[in-house]
Amino acid sequence: MAGNTTKNVSVATMIVAVLSVSATAQDGGKDLGRILAQKIVRVGAVDAFPSYRQDLASGKWEGIFPESAEALFGAIGVKVEYVPTDWGTAAAGLQSGRFDLIGGYSATPERALAVAFTIPAARVGVGLAAIRDEKKGLAENWADINKPEVRIALVDGSATVRMVQRIVPKVTYVVVKSEDAAILELESGRVDYFAAPESSLTRYGQVRRNVRVSYPKPEIGQNSTFALRKGERDLQEWLNVSLGALIADGTIPAIRAKFLNP
């Protein structure tokens, strides 16, 4: 057993050494080289549970992407530090060097002009939450609610905004700063629906018995990825390989299930 442990440590040390040389020697590898040298990676974090949430008492971040980041970087002995941000300014935060990557950032053509993306960590559906009303059925088709009198709350800067506005352009939109603000709009009766990814809607529906969640036809969704600065090819390649391994061995699916189906 001790021999296996020694062998594993040696292999891990060799991997880090090889990555360090590669990251510093090749063009586009400065972020990975610095991360490996400093043993710290900075991850942008948005207050949007179950993707992210900070415990106010301890200051610790939890959720799908904090656990995913720690699984990724813990394997090579790198500590994760979190930098608070929001979806609307995340690209600027990456470009300015405030943090090195952010998880749960959906890949869109517009965003791809500013940042680079990893392979998808998951495919996430987009739907609607509504206050339960026995007189009003669930929205089964997007076309059924494509009317100016229908009001939908969306979070500013989220990929959901683009998708929903494209499929129901006639709707009246209320764009707010955070998911908490969007939920407040819904629960106060100021909007008819709150549009969000499946991860947010699942947890919201679990904690609020008076809420119903639906995924109208045609189904729409987004690839949930990690985003990083453009030109950081070594870091991007390492993340892609590591993410692929953690998806294949069940680690990432288990983390998602832990927070989506507690």
Protein backbone atom coordinates (compact mmCIF):
# COMPACT_ATOMS: atom_id res chain seq x y z
CA MET A 1 0.00 0.00 0.00
CA ALA A 2 2.85 2.38 0.93
CA GLY A 3 4.56 1.57 -2.35
CA ASN A 4 1.44 2.50 -4.32
CA THR A 5 1.11 5.76 -2.41
CA THR A 6 4.75 6.64 -3.13
CA LYS A 7 4.26 5.80 -6.79
CA ASN A 8 1.13 7.98 -7.01
CA VAL A 9 2.90 10.91 -5.37
CA SER A 10 5.83 10.51 -7.78
CA VAL A 11 3.52 10.44 -10.79
CA ALA A 12 1.66 13.53 -9.57
CA THR A 13 4.96 15.35 -9.01
CA MET A 14 6.12 14.40 -12.51
CA ILE A 15 2.88 15.66 -14.06
CA VAL A 16 3.20 19.01 -12.30
CA ALA A 17 6.85 19.31 -13.38
CA VAL A 18 6.02 18.55 -17.02
CA LEU A 19 3.11 20.99 -16.99
CA SER A 20 5.31 23.67 -15.43
CA VAL A 21 7.92 23.34 -18.19
CA SER A 22 5.28 23.21 -20.90
CA ALA A 23 3.39 26.18 -19.50
CA THR A 24 6.42 28.44 -19.30
CA ALA A 25 8.09 27.30 -22.52
CA GLN A 26 5.19 27.50 -24.91
CA ASP A 27 3.34 30.53 -26.20
CA GLY A 28 0.01 31.10 -24.43
CA GLY A 29 0.98 29.28 -21.25
CA LYS A 30 1.66 32.06 -18.75
CA ASP A 31 -1.47 31.55 -16.63
CA LEU A 32 -0.93 27.83 -16.16
CA GLY A 33 2.74 28.43 -15.37
CA ARG A 34 1.87 31.03 -12.72
CA ILE A 35 -0.88 28.87 -11.22
CA LEU A 36 1.48 25.92 -10.88
CA ALA A 37 4.30 28.07 -9.50
CA GLN A 38 2.14 29.91 -6.95
CA LYS A 39 -0.12 26.92 -6.19
CA ILE A 40 -3.13 29.25 -6.36
CA VAL A 41 -5.89 29.65 -8.94
CA ARG A 42 -8.38 32.52 -8.75
CA VAL A 43 -11.95 31.61 -9.67
CA GLY A 44 -14.72 34.12 -10.28
CA ALA A 45 -17.78 33.38 -8.14
CA VAL A 46 -21.36 34.61 -8.65
CA ASP A 47 -23.96 34.46 -5.89
CA ALA A 48 -26.31 32.10 -7.77
CA PHE A 49 -27.00 28.87 -5.91
CA PRO A 50 -26.67 25.96 -6.64
CA SER A 51 -23.86 27.10 -8.95
CA TYR A 52 -22.25 29.19 -6.21
CA ARG A 53 -23.07 30.37 -2.69
CA GLN A 54 -20.92 31.92 0.02
CA ASP A 55 -21.56 30.98 3.63
CA LEU A 56 -21.75 34.34 5.39
CA ALA A 57 -20.50 32.97 8.70
CA SER A 58 -17.44 31.09 7.45
CA GLY A 59 -16.85 32.92 4.16
CA LYS A 60 -16.52 29.54 2.40
CA TRP A 61 -17.91 29.14 -1.11
CA GLU A 62 -19.99 26.08 -1.93
CA GLY A 63 -21.97 24.81 -4.89
CA ILE A 64 -21.52 22.96 -8.15
CA PHE A 65 -18.63 25.03 -9.46
CA PRO A 66 -16.64 25.56 -6.26
CA GLU A 67 -16.62 21.78 -5.73
CA SER A 68 -15.81 21.18 -9.40
CA ALA A 69 -12.92 23.66 -9.32
CA GLU A 70 -11.55 22.11 -6.14
CA ALA A 71 -11.76 18.63 -7.68
CA LEU A 72 -9.89 19.87 -10.75
CA PHE A 73 -7.10 21.76 -9.02
CA GLY A 74 -6.87 19.70 -5.86
CA ALA A 75 -5.55 16.86 -8.02
CA ILE A 76 -2.39 18.90 -8.72
CA GLY A 77 -2.05 20.52 -5.29
CA VAL A 78 -3.38 23.96 -6.28
CA LYS A 79 -5.51 25.99 -3.84
CA VAL A 80 -8.67 27.70 -5.13
CA GLU A 81 -9.34 31.32 -4.16
CA TYR A 82 -12.68 32.92 -5.01
CA VAL A 83 -13.23 36.42 -6.38
CA PRO A 84 -16.83 37.72 -6.17
CA THR A 85 -18.25 38.90 -9.50
CA ASP A 86 -21.50 38.77 -11.48
CA TRP A 87 -22.47 37.40 -14.87
CA GLY A 88 -22.60 40.81 -16.52
CA THR A 89 -19.00 41.75 -15.65
CA ALA A 90 -17.38 38.28 -15.66
CA ALA A 91 -15.79 38.69 -19.10
CA ALA A 92 -14.25 42.01 -18.06
CA GLY A 93 -13.01 40.39 -14.86
CA LEU A 94 -11.22 37.71 -16.87
CA GLN A 95 -9.77 40.16 -19.36
CA SER A 96 -8.47 42.49 -16.64
CA GLY A 97 -6.85 39.64 -14.70
CA ARG A 98 -9.04 39.86 -11.60
CA PHE A 99 -9.43 36.08 -11.78
CA ASP A 100 -8.22 33.21 -13.96
CA LEU A 101 -11.44 31.39 -14.80
CA ILE A 102 -15.13 31.19 -13.96
CA GLY A 103 -17.42 28.17 -13.97
CA GLY A 104 -21.04 28.00 -15.01
CA TYR A 105 -20.36 30.49 -17.80
CA SER A 106 -22.41 29.52 -20.81
CA ALA A 107 -20.68 29.51 -24.19
CA THR A 108 -22.29 31.92 -26.65
CA PRO A 109 -21.02 33.37 -29.97
CA GLU A 110 -20.91 36.88 -28.45
CA ARG A 111 -18.94 35.79 -25.40
CA ALA A 112 -16.54 33.78 -27.56
CA LEU A 113 -15.31 37.07 -29.05
CA ALA A 114 -14.06 38.10 -25.61
CA VAL A 115 -13.12 34.90 -23.75
CA ALA A 116 -12.23 31.26 -24.35
CA PHE A 117 -14.21 28.23 -23.15
CA THR A 118 -13.56 24.70 -22.00
CA ILE A 119 -15.50 21.67 -23.10
CA PRO A 120 -19.00 21.63 -21.54
CA ALA A 121 -19.23 20.44 -17.95
CA ALA A 122 -22.95 19.84 -18.59
CA ARG A 123 -25.82 20.63 -20.93
CA VAL A 124 -28.38 22.69 -19.00
CA GLY A 125 -31.98 23.30 -20.06
CA VAL A 126 -33.61 26.73 -19.76
CA GLY A 127 -37.16 27.10 -18.49
CA LEU A 128 -39.63 29.12 -16.48
CA ALA A 129 -40.74 29.37 -12.87
CA ALA A 130 -44.22 30.65 -12.06
CA ILE A 131 -46.27 31.03 -8.89
CA ARG A 132 -48.73 28.17 -8.65
CA ASP A 133 -52.15 29.18 -9.97
CA GLU A 134 -54.82 26.52 -10.47
CA LYS A 135 -56.60 28.74 -13.00
CA LYS A 136 -53.51 29.11 -15.15
CA GLY A 137 -51.77 26.08 -16.60
CA LEU A 138 -48.06 25.64 -17.17
CA ALA A 139 -46.51 27.20 -20.26
CA GLU A 140 -46.22 24.21 -22.59
CA ASN A 141 -44.97 26.14 -25.63
CA TRP A 142 -42.93 29.31 -25.84
CA ALA A 143 -45.26 30.61 -28.56
CA ASP A 144 -48.17 30.56 -26.06
CA ILE A 145 -46.58 33.31 -23.95
CA ASN A 146 -45.08 35.43 -26.75
CA LYS A 147 -47.27 38.43 -25.91
CA PRO A 148 -46.50 41.98 -24.69
CA GLU A 149 -48.75 41.53 -21.65
CA VAL A 150 -46.59 38.65 -20.38
CA ARG A 151 -43.77 39.81 -18.09
CA ILE A 152 -40.58 37.76 -17.57
CA ALA A 153 -37.76 38.46 -15.13
CA LEU A 154 -34.20 37.76 -16.33
CA VAL A 155 -30.77 38.21 -14.77
CA ASP A 156 -28.65 40.84 -16.51
CA GLY A 157 -25.59 39.43 -18.28
CA SER A 158 -26.77 35.81 -18.19
CA ALA A 159 -26.84 33.68 -21.33
CA THR A 160 -30.53 33.08 -20.58
CA VAL A 161 -31.32 36.66 -21.62
CA ARG A 162 -30.21 36.12 -25.21
CA MET A 163 -31.93 32.76 -25.61
CA VAL A 164 -35.29 33.73 -24.13
CA GLN A 165 -35.47 37.12 -25.85
CA ARG A 166 -34.78 35.41 -29.17
CA ILE A 167 -37.52 32.78 -28.79
CA VAL A 168 -40.20 35.10 -27.34
CA PRO A 169 -39.31 38.60 -28.61
CA LYS A 170 -42.73 40.17 -27.93
CA VAL A 171 -42.64 39.56 -24.18
CA THR A 172 -42.11 42.44 -21.72
CA TYR A 173 -38.80 41.87 -19.94
CA VAL A 174 -37.70 42.94 -16.50
CA VAL A 175 -33.91 42.61 -16.36
CA VAL A 176 -32.44 42.64 -12.85
CA LYS A 177 -29.01 42.29 -11.23
CA SER A 178 -29.31 38.87 -9.55
CA GLU A 179 -31.42 35.74 -9.26
CA ASP A 180 -32.61 36.84 -5.83
CA ALA A 181 -33.91 40.06 -7.39
CA ALA A 182 -35.63 38.10 -10.18
CA ILE A 183 -37.28 35.80 -7.63
CA LEU A 184 -38.47 38.86 -5.69
CA GLU A 185 -40.06 40.21 -8.87
CA LEU A 186 -41.90 36.91 -9.33
CA GLU A 187 -43.02 36.44 -5.74
CA SER A 188 -44.22 40.04 -5.46
CA GLY A 189 -46.42 39.55 -8.54
CA ARG A 190 -44.59 42.12 -10.66
CA VAL A 191 -43.79 39.50 -13.32
CA ASP A 192 -45.48 36.32 -14.53
CA TYR A 193 -42.33 34.22 -14.91
CA PHE A 194 -38.71 33.95 -13.88
CA ALA A 195 -36.57 32.49 -16.71
CA ALA A 196 -33.38 30.67 -15.70
CA PRO A 197 -31.23 27.56 -16.26
CA GLU A 198 -32.39 24.20 -14.97
CA SER A 199 -29.88 24.24 -12.09
CA SER A 200 -31.43 27.39 -10.59
CA LEU A 201 -35.02 26.40 -11.32
CA THR A 202 -34.65 22.94 -9.79
CA ARG A 203 -33.49 24.25 -6.41
CA TYR A 204 -35.99 27.10 -6.42
CA GLY A 205 -38.85 24.68 -7.07
CA GLN A 206 -37.64 22.43 -4.25
CA VAL A 207 -37.63 25.16 -1.60
CA ARG A 208 -40.83 26.93 -2.67
CA ARG A 209 -43.91 24.71 -2.70
CA ASN A 210 -45.98 27.44 -4.33
CA VAL A 211 -43.75 27.51 -7.40
CA ARG A 212 -44.11 25.47 -10.57
CA VAL A 213 -41.35 24.93 -13.07
CA SER A 214 -41.79 24.17 -16.76
CA TYR A 215 -39.60 23.71 -19.84
CA PRO A 216 -41.69 24.88 -22.80
CA LYS A 217 -41.32 23.50 -26.32
CA PRO A 218 -39.16 23.77 -28.31
CA GLU A 219 -36.55 22.93 -25.70
CA ILE A 220 -33.73 25.41 -25.34
CA GLY A 221 -30.55 25.14 -23.31
CA GLN A 222 -26.94 26.08 -22.90
CA ASN A 223 -23.55 24.46 -22.50
CA SER A 224 -22.26 25.14 -19.00
CA THR A 225 -18.48 25.59 -19.19
CA PHE A 226 -15.49 27.19 -17.55
CA ALA A 227 -14.38 30.41 -19.22
CA LEU A 228 -10.81 31.73 -19.25
CA ARG A 229 -8.74 34.41 -20.94
CA LYS A 230 -8.16 34.12 -24.67
CA GLY A 231 -4.74 32.88 -25.70
CA GLU A 232 -4.22 30.67 -22.63
CA ARG A 233 -4.04 27.48 -24.68
CA ASP A 234 -2.05 25.43 -22.16
CA LEU A 235 -4.54 26.15 -19.38
CA GLN A 236 -7.46 25.52 -21.73
CA GLU A 237 -6.04 22.16 -22.87
CA TRP A 238 -5.30 21.07 -19.31
CA LEU A 239 -8.81 22.02 -18.19
CA ASN A 240 -10.35 20.15 -21.12
CA VAL A 241 -8.43 16.96 -20.33
CA SER A 242 -9.13 17.22 -16.60
CA LEU A 243 -12.81 18.01 -17.06
CA GLY A 244 -13.19 15.11 -19.47
CA ALA A 245 -11.63 12.74 -16.95
CA LEU A 246 -13.83 13.96 -14.07
CA ILE A 247 -16.96 13.69 -16.21
CA ALA A 248 -16.01 10.18 -17.37
CA ASP A 249 -15.25 8.88 -13.88
CA GLY A 250 -18.51 10.27 -12.45
CA THR A 251 -17.03 13.03 -10.28
CA ILE A 252 -18.69 15.99 -12.02
CA PRO A 253 -22.08 14.23 -12.42
CA ALA A 254 -21.98 13.33 -8.69
CA ILE A 255 -21.26 16.94 -7.72
CA ARG A 256 -24.17 18.17 -9.83
CA ALA A 257 -26.51 15.55 -8.35
CA LYS A 258 -25.45 16.50 -4.81
CA PHE A 259 -26.61 20.09 -5.25
CA LEU A 260 -29.51 19.56 -7.64
CA ASN A 261 -31.07 16.58 -5.85
CA PRO A 262 -30.14 16.91 -2.15
